[in-house]
Structures are given as C-alpha cells and as structure tokens.
Amino acid sequence: WGTGELSTVRSILTAWVYSPEHLANMLSDSF
C-alpha cells in the first residue's frame, strides 16, 4: 500500500521488483 506519488503502479511494481521475495512470486514458473 502507498500514498501520494508512492501509490502509483510504477512505484509499487518497483518496490516489488527490488524485494527478492516479491520478485520471486512474480517470476516463478510455478504460476
């Protein structure tokens, strides 16, 4: 969750990309 400029799609996606666990979920070939 975010507020202001850090609530945008780009900000949230960037935070997920730079978190190893979030990125692993996004890229996993299990899904």
All heavy atoms as atom14 arrays in JSON, in Angstrom:
{
  "sequence": "WGTGELSTVRSILTAWVYSPEHLANMLSDSF",
  "atom14_mask": [
    [1, 1, 1, 1, 1, 1, 1, 1, 1, 1, 1, 1, 1, 1],
    [1, 1, 1, 1, 0, 0, 0, 0, 0, 0, 0, 0, 0, 0],
    [1, 1, 1, 1, 1, 1, 1, 0, 0, 0, 0, 0, 0, 0],
    [1, 1, 1, 1, 0, 0, 0, 0, 0, 0, 0, 0, 0, 0],
    [1, 1, 1, 1, 1, 1, 1, 1, 1, 0, 0, 0, 0, 0],
    [1, 1, 1, 1, 1, 1, 1, 1, 0, 0, 0, 0, 0, 0],
    [1, 1, 1, 1, 1, 1, 0, 0, 0, 0, 0, 0, 0, 0],
    [1, 1, 1, 1, 1, 1, 1, 0, 0, 0, 0, 0, 0, 0],
    [1, 1, 1, 1, 1, 1, 1, 0, 0, 0, 0, 0, 0, 0],
    [1, 1, 1, 1, 1, 1, 1, 1, 1, 1, 1, 0, 0, 0],
    [1, 1, 1, 1, 1, 1, 0, 0, 0, 0, 0, 0, 0, 0],
    [1, 1, 1, 1, 1, 1, 1, 1, 0, 0, 0, 0, 0, 0],
    [1, 1, 1, 1, 1, 1, 1, 1, 0, 0, 0, 0, 0, 0],
    [1, 1, 1, 1, 1, 1, 1, 0, 0, 0, 0, 0, 0, 0],
    [1, 1, 1, 1, 1, 0, 0, 0, 0, 0, 0, 0, 0, 0],
    [1, 1, 1, 1, 1, 1, 1, 1, 1, 1, 1, 1, 1, 1],
    [1, 1, 1, 1, 1, 1, 1, 0, 0, 0, 0, 0, 0, 0],
    [1, 1, 1, 1, 1, 1, 1, 1, 1, 1, 1, 1, 0, 0],
    [1, 1, 1, 1, 1, 1, 0, 0, 0, 0, 0, 0, 0, 0],
    [1, 1, 1, 1, 1, 1, 1, 0, 0, 0, 0, 0, 0, 0],
    [1, 1, 1, 1, 1, 1, 1, 1, 1, 0, 0, 0, 0, 0],
    [1, 1, 1, 1, 1, 1, 1, 1, 1, 1, 0, 0, 0, 0],
    [1, 1, 1, 1, 1, 1, 1, 1, 0, 0, 0, 0, 0, 0],
    [1, 1, 1, 1, 1, 0, 0, 0, 0, 0, 0, 0, 0, 0],
    [1, 1, 1, 1, 1, 1, 1, 1, 0, 0, 0, 0, 0, 0],
    [1, 1, 1, 1, 1, 1, 1, 1, 0, 0, 0, 0, 0, 0],
    [1, 1, 1, 1, 1, 1, 1, 1, 0, 0, 0, 0, 0, 0],
    [1, 1, 1, 1, 1, 1, 0, 0, 0, 0, 0, 0, 0, 0],
    [1, 1, 1, 1, 1, 1, 1, 1, 0, 0, 0, 0, 0, 0],
    [1, 1, 1, 1, 1, 1, 0, 0, 0, 0, 0, 0, 0, 0],
    [1, 1, 1, 1, 1, 1, 1, 1, 1, 1, 1, 0, 0, 0]
  ],
  "atom14_positions": [
    [[0.86, -1.18, 0.0], [0.0, 0.0, 0.0], [0.89, 1.23, 0.0], [2.03, 1.21, 0.47], [-0.97, 0.01, 1.18], [-0.39, 0.22, 2.55], [0.09, -0.73, 3.4], [-0.27, 1.47, 3.24], [0.51, -0.16, 4.57], [0.3, 1.18, 4.52], [-0.59, 2.79, 2.93], [0.56, 2.18, 5.47], [-0.32, 3.78, 3.87], [0.24, 3.47, 5.12]],
    [[0.38, 2.29, -0.58], [1.16, 3.51, -0.68], [0.26, 4.72, -0.71], [-0.96, 4.62, -0.9], [0.0, 0.0, 0.0], [0.0, 0.0, 0.0], [0.0, 0.0, 0.0], [0.0, 0.0, 0.0], [0.0, 0.0, 0.0], [0.0, 0.0, 0.0], [0.0, 0.0, 0.0], [0.0, 0.0, 0.0], [0.0, 0.0, 0.0], [0.0, 0.0, 0.0]],
    [[0.86, 5.86, -0.53], [0.15, 7.13, -0.6], [0.9, 8.08, -1.52], [2.1, 7.94, -1.73], [0.0, 7.78, 0.79], [1.32, 8.05, 1.32], [-0.74, 6.86, 1.74], [0.0, 0.0, 0.0], [0.0, 0.0, 0.0], [0.0, 0.0, 0.0], [0.0, 0.0, 0.0], [0.0, 0.0, 0.0], [0.0, 0.0, 0.0], [0.0, 0.0, 0.0]],
    [[0.17, 9.06, -2.05], [0.8, 10.07, -2.89], [1.51, 9.47, -4.08], [1.04, 8.52, -4.7], [0.0, 0.0, 0.0], [0.0, 0.0, 0.0], [0.0, 0.0, 0.0], [0.0, 0.0, 0.0], [0.0, 0.0, 0.0], [0.0, 0.0, 0.0], [0.0, 0.0, 0.0], [0.0, 0.0, 0.0], [0.0, 0.0, 0.0], [0.0, 0.0, 0.0]],
    [[2.67, 10.01, -4.38], [3.41, 9.56, -5.56], [3.92, 8.12, -5.41], [4.29, 7.48, -6.4], [4.59, 10.49, -5.84], [5.63, 10.52, -4.74], [6.71, 11.56, -4.98], [6.54, 12.39, -5.9], [7.71, 11.53, -4.25], [0.0, 0.0, 0.0], [0.0, 0.0, 0.0], [0.0, 0.0, 0.0], [0.0, 0.0, 0.0], [0.0, 0.0, 0.0]],
    [[3.95, 7.61, -4.2], [4.4, 6.25, -3.98], [3.26, 5.24, -4.02], [3.44, 4.08, -3.68], [5.14, 6.15, -2.64], [6.45, 6.92, -2.57], [7.14, 6.7, -1.23], [7.39, 6.55, -3.71], [0.0, 0.0, 0.0], [0.0, 0.0, 0.0], [0.0, 0.0, 0.0], [0.0, 0.0, 0.0], [0.0, 0.0, 0.0], [0.0, 0.0, 0.0]],
    [[2.09, 5.69, -4.44], [0.96, 4.76, -4.6], [0.77, 4.35, -6.05], [-0.1, 3.52, -6.36], [-0.32, 5.42, -4.09], [-0.73, 6.48, -4.94], [0.0, 0.0, 0.0], [0.0, 0.0, 0.0], [0.0, 0.0, 0.0], [0.0, 0.0, 0.0], [0.0, 0.0, 0.0], [0.0, 0.0, 0.0], [0.0, 0.0, 0.0], [0.0, 0.0, 0.0]],
    [[1.55, 4.92, -6.95], [1.36, 4.65, -8.37], [1.75, 3.22, -8.75], [2.49, 2.54, -8.02], [2.2, 5.61, -9.23], [3.59, 5.35, -8.98], [1.88, 7.06, -8.9], [0.0, 0.0, 0.0], [0.0, 0.0, 0.0], [0.0, 0.0, 0.0], [0.0, 0.0, 0.0], [0.0, 0.0, 0.0], [0.0, 0.0, 0.0], [0.0, 0.0, 0.0]],
    [[1.28, 2.78, -9.88], [1.63, 1.46, -10.39], [3.15, 1.31, -10.46], [3.72, 0.3, -10.01], [1.02, 1.23, -11.79], [1.51, -0.08, -12.38], [-0.5, 1.26, -11.72], [0.0, 0.0, 0.0], [0.0, 0.0, 0.0], [0.0, 0.0, 0.0], [0.0, 0.0, 0.0], [0.0, 0.0, 0.0], [0.0, 0.0, 0.0], [0.0, 0.0, 0.0]],
    [[3.82, 2.3, -11.0], [5.28, 2.2, -11.16], [5.99, 2.1, -9.82], [6.93, 1.31, -9.66], [5.8, 3.41, -11.94], [7.3, 3.29, -12.26], [7.8, 4.43, -13.12], [9.21, 4.27, -13.44], [9.69, 3.56, -14.45], [8.84, 2.93, -15.25], [10.98, 3.46, -14.67], [0.0, 0.0, 0.0], [0.0, 0.0, 0.0], [0.0, 0.0, 0.0]],
    [[5.56, 2.88, -8.83], [6.2, 2.84, -7.52], [6.0, 1.49, -6.85], [6.94, 0.92, -6.28], [5.65, 3.96, -6.63], [6.04, 5.23, -7.11], [0.0, 0.0, 0.0], [0.0, 0.0, 0.0], [0.0, 0.0, 0.0], [0.0, 0.0, 0.0], [0.0, 0.0, 0.0], [0.0, 0.0, 0.0], [0.0, 0.0, 0.0], [0.0, 0.0, 0.0]],
    [[4.78, 0.97, -6.9], [4.5, -0.31, -6.26], [5.25, -1.44, -6.97], [5.88, -2.3, -6.33], [2.99, -0.59, -6.26], [2.24, 0.48, -5.46], [2.71, -1.98, -5.7], [2.57, 0.54, -3.99], [0.0, 0.0, 0.0], [0.0, 0.0, 0.0], [0.0, 0.0, 0.0], [0.0, 0.0, 0.0], [0.0, 0.0, 0.0], [0.0, 0.0, 0.0]],
    [[5.17, -1.46, -8.29], [5.87, -2.51, -9.05], [7.37, -2.45, -8.8], [8.02, -3.49, -8.64], [5.54, -2.34, -10.54], [6.01, -3.4, -11.57], [7.47, -3.3, -11.9], [5.65, -4.79, -11.11], [0.0, 0.0, 0.0], [0.0, 0.0, 0.0], [0.0, 0.0, 0.0], [0.0, 0.0, 0.0], [0.0, 0.0, 0.0], [0.0, 0.0, 0.0]],
    [[7.93, -1.25, -8.74], [9.37, -1.11, -8.48], [9.73, -1.67, -7.1], [10.75, -2.35, -6.95], [9.79, 0.37, -8.58], [9.53, 0.85, -9.91], [11.27, 0.54, -8.27], [0.0, 0.0, 0.0], [0.0, 0.0, 0.0], [0.0, 0.0, 0.0], [0.0, 0.0, 0.0], [0.0, 0.0, 0.0], [0.0, 0.0, 0.0], [0.0, 0.0, 0.0]],
    [[8.9, -1.38, -6.1], [9.15, -1.92, -4.77], [9.13, -3.45, -4.79], [9.96, -4.11, -4.15], [8.12, -1.39, -3.78], [0.0, 0.0, 0.0], [0.0, 0.0, 0.0], [0.0, 0.0, 0.0], [0.0, 0.0, 0.0], [0.0, 0.0, 0.0], [0.0, 0.0, 0.0], [0.0, 0.0, 0.0], [0.0, 0.0, 0.0], [0.0, 0.0, 0.0]],
    [[8.2, -4.03, -5.52], [8.14, -5.49, -5.62], [9.34, -6.05, -6.36], [9.89, -7.08, -5.97], [6.84, -5.91, -6.32], [5.62, -5.82, -5.45], [5.59, -5.76, -4.09], [4.26, -5.81, -5.88], [4.29, -5.71, -3.65], [3.44, -5.73, -4.73], [3.63, -5.84, -7.14], [2.05, -5.7, -4.78], [2.25, -5.81, -7.2], [1.46, -5.75, -6.03]],
    [[9.77, -5.39, -7.42], [10.92, -5.87, -8.18], [12.19, -5.88, -7.32], [13.01, -6.8, -7.4], [11.13, -5.01, -9.44], [12.53, -5.23, -10.04], [10.07, -5.33, -10.49], [0.0, 0.0, 0.0], [0.0, 0.0, 0.0], [0.0, 0.0, 0.0], [0.0, 0.0, 0.0], [0.0, 0.0, 0.0], [0.0, 0.0, 0.0], [0.0, 0.0, 0.0]],
    [[12.36, -4.87, -6.47], [13.57, -4.78, -5.65], [13.46, -5.54, -4.34], [14.38, -5.47, -3.51], [13.92, -3.32, -5.41], [14.66, -2.71, -6.57], [13.97, -2.09, -7.62], [16.05, -2.79, -6.67], [14.64, -1.55, -8.7], [16.73, -2.26, -7.75], [16.02, -1.65, -8.77], [16.69, -1.12, -9.85], [0.0, 0.0, 0.0], [0.0, 0.0, 0.0]],
    [[12.39, -6.26, -4.14], [12.27, -7.17, -2.99], [12.42, -8.59, -3.51], [11.62, -9.05, -4.34], [10.91, -7.0, -2.32], [10.66, -8.07, -1.43], [0.0, 0.0, 0.0], [0.0, 0.0, 0.0], [0.0, 0.0, 0.0], [0.0, 0.0, 0.0], [0.0, 0.0, 0.0], [0.0, 0.0, 0.0], [0.0, 0.0, 0.0], [0.0, 0.0, 0.0]],
    [[13.41, -9.34, -3.05], [13.64, -10.69, -3.6], [12.43, -11.6, -3.53], [12.13, -12.32, -4.49], [14.79, -11.23, -2.73], [15.5, -10.01, -2.25], [14.44, -8.96, -2.07], [0.0, 0.0, 0.0], [0.0, 0.0, 0.0], [0.0, 0.0, 0.0], [0.0, 0.0, 0.0], [0.0, 0.0, 0.0], [0.0, 0.0, 0.0], [0.0, 0.0, 0.0]],
    [[11.7, -11.57, -2.41], [10.57, -12.48, -2.26], [9.42, -12.1, -3.18], [8.78, -12.96, -3.8], [10.1, -12.5, -0.8], [11.1, -13.16, 0.15], [12.15, -12.19, 0.66], [12.1, -11.0, 0.26], [13.02, -12.61, 1.44], [0.0, 0.0, 0.0], [0.0, 0.0, 0.0], [0.0, 0.0, 0.0], [0.0, 0.0, 0.0], [0.0, 0.0, 0.0]],
    [[9.13, -10.8, -3.26], [8.05, -10.35, -4.15], [8.39, -10.65, -5.61], [7.54, -11.09, -6.38], [7.81, -8.84, -3.99], [7.28, -8.45, -2.64], [8.09, -8.28, -1.55], [6.01, -8.2, -2.22], [7.35, -7.93, -0.5], [6.08, -7.89, -0.88], [0.0, 0.0, 0.0], [0.0, 0.0, 0.0], [0.0, 0.0, 0.0], [0.0, 0.0, 0.0]],
    [[9.64, -10.42, -5.96], [10.06, -10.68, -7.34], [9.98, -12.17, -7.65], [9.57, -12.56, -8.75], [11.47, -10.17, -7.57], [12.01, -10.3, -8.99], [11.13, -9.54, -9.99], [13.46, -9.81, -9.08], [0.0, 0.0, 0.0], [0.0, 0.0, 0.0], [0.0, 0.0, 0.0], [0.0, 0.0, 0.0], [0.0, 0.0, 0.0], [0.0, 0.0, 0.0]],
    [[10.35, -13.0, -6.69], [10.27, -14.45, -6.91], [8.84, -14.88, -7.17], [8.59, -15.74, -8.02], [10.84, -15.19, -5.7], [0.0, 0.0, 0.0], [0.0, 0.0, 0.0], [0.0, 0.0, 0.0], [0.0, 0.0, 0.0], [0.0, 0.0, 0.0], [0.0, 0.0, 0.0], [0.0, 0.0, 0.0], [0.0, 0.0, 0.0], [0.0, 0.0, 0.0]],
    [[7.89, -14.31, -6.46], [6.48, -14.61, -6.73], [6.11, -14.21, -8.16], [5.45, -14.94, -8.89], [5.58, -13.85, -5.76], [5.09, -14.71, -4.61], [5.43, -15.89, -4.5], [4.3, -14.14, -3.73], [0.0, 0.0, 0.0], [0.0, 0.0, 0.0], [0.0, 0.0, 0.0], [0.0, 0.0, 0.0], [0.0, 0.0, 0.0], [0.0, 0.0, 0.0]],
    [[6.53, -13.02, -8.57], [6.18, -12.52, -9.89], [6.78, -13.35, -11.01], [6.17, -13.54, -12.06], [6.62, -11.06, -10.05], [5.73, -10.06, -9.37], [5.99, -8.39, -10.01], [7.66, -8.06, -9.46], [0.0, 0.0, 0.0], [0.0, 0.0, 0.0], [0.0, 0.0, 0.0], [0.0, 0.0, 0.0], [0.0, 0.0, 0.0], [0.0, 0.0, 0.0]],
    [[8.0, -13.85, -10.8], [8.71, -14.51, -11.89], [8.62, -16.03, -11.83], [9.06, -16.7, -12.75], [10.19, -14.11, -11.87], [10.5, -12.63, -12.0], [12.02, -12.42, -12.09], [9.79, -12.0, -13.2], [0.0, 0.0, 0.0], [0.0, 0.0, 0.0], [0.0, 0.0, 0.0], [0.0, 0.0, 0.0], [0.0, 0.0, 0.0], [0.0, 0.0, 0.0]],
    [[8.06, -16.57, -10.76], [8.06, -18.01, -10.59], [7.34, -18.74, -11.73], [6.23, -18.36, -12.12], [7.4, -18.37, -9.26], [7.33, -19.77, -9.12], [0.0, 0.0, 0.0], [0.0, 0.0, 0.0], [0.0, 0.0, 0.0], [0.0, 0.0, 0.0], [0.0, 0.0, 0.0], [0.0, 0.0, 0.0], [0.0, 0.0, 0.0], [0.0, 0.0, 0.0]],
    [[7.96, -19.8, -12.21], [7.3, -20.61, -13.23], [6.32, -21.6, -12.59], [5.73, -22.44, -13.28], [8.31, -21.33, -14.11], [9.2, -22.3, -13.35], [9.0, -22.48, -12.13], [10.1, -22.9, -13.97], [0.0, 0.0, 0.0], [0.0, 0.0, 0.0], [0.0, 0.0, 0.0], [0.0, 0.0, 0.0], [0.0, 0.0, 0.0], [0.0, 0.0, 0.0]],
    [[6.11, -21.5, -11.28], [5.08, -22.3, -10.63], [3.69, -21.79, -10.96], [2.7, -22.51, -10.82], [5.26, -22.25, -9.1], [6.49, -22.78, -8.72], [0.0, 0.0, 0.0], [0.0, 0.0, 0.0], [0.0, 0.0, 0.0], [0.0, 0.0, 0.0], [0.0, 0.0, 0.0], [0.0, 0.0, 0.0], [0.0, 0.0, 0.0], [0.0, 0.0, 0.0]],
    [[3.61, -20.52, -11.38], [2.32, -19.89, -11.62], [2.1, -19.64, -13.11], [3.06, -19.32, -13.84], [2.21, -18.56, -10.87], [2.46, -18.69, -9.38], [3.36, -17.87, -8.73], [1.78, -19.64, -8.64], [3.58, -17.99, -7.38], [2.0, -19.77, -7.27], [2.9, -18.94, -6.64], [0.0, 0.0, 0.0], [0.0, 0.0, 0.0], [0.0, 0.0, 0.0]]
  ]
}
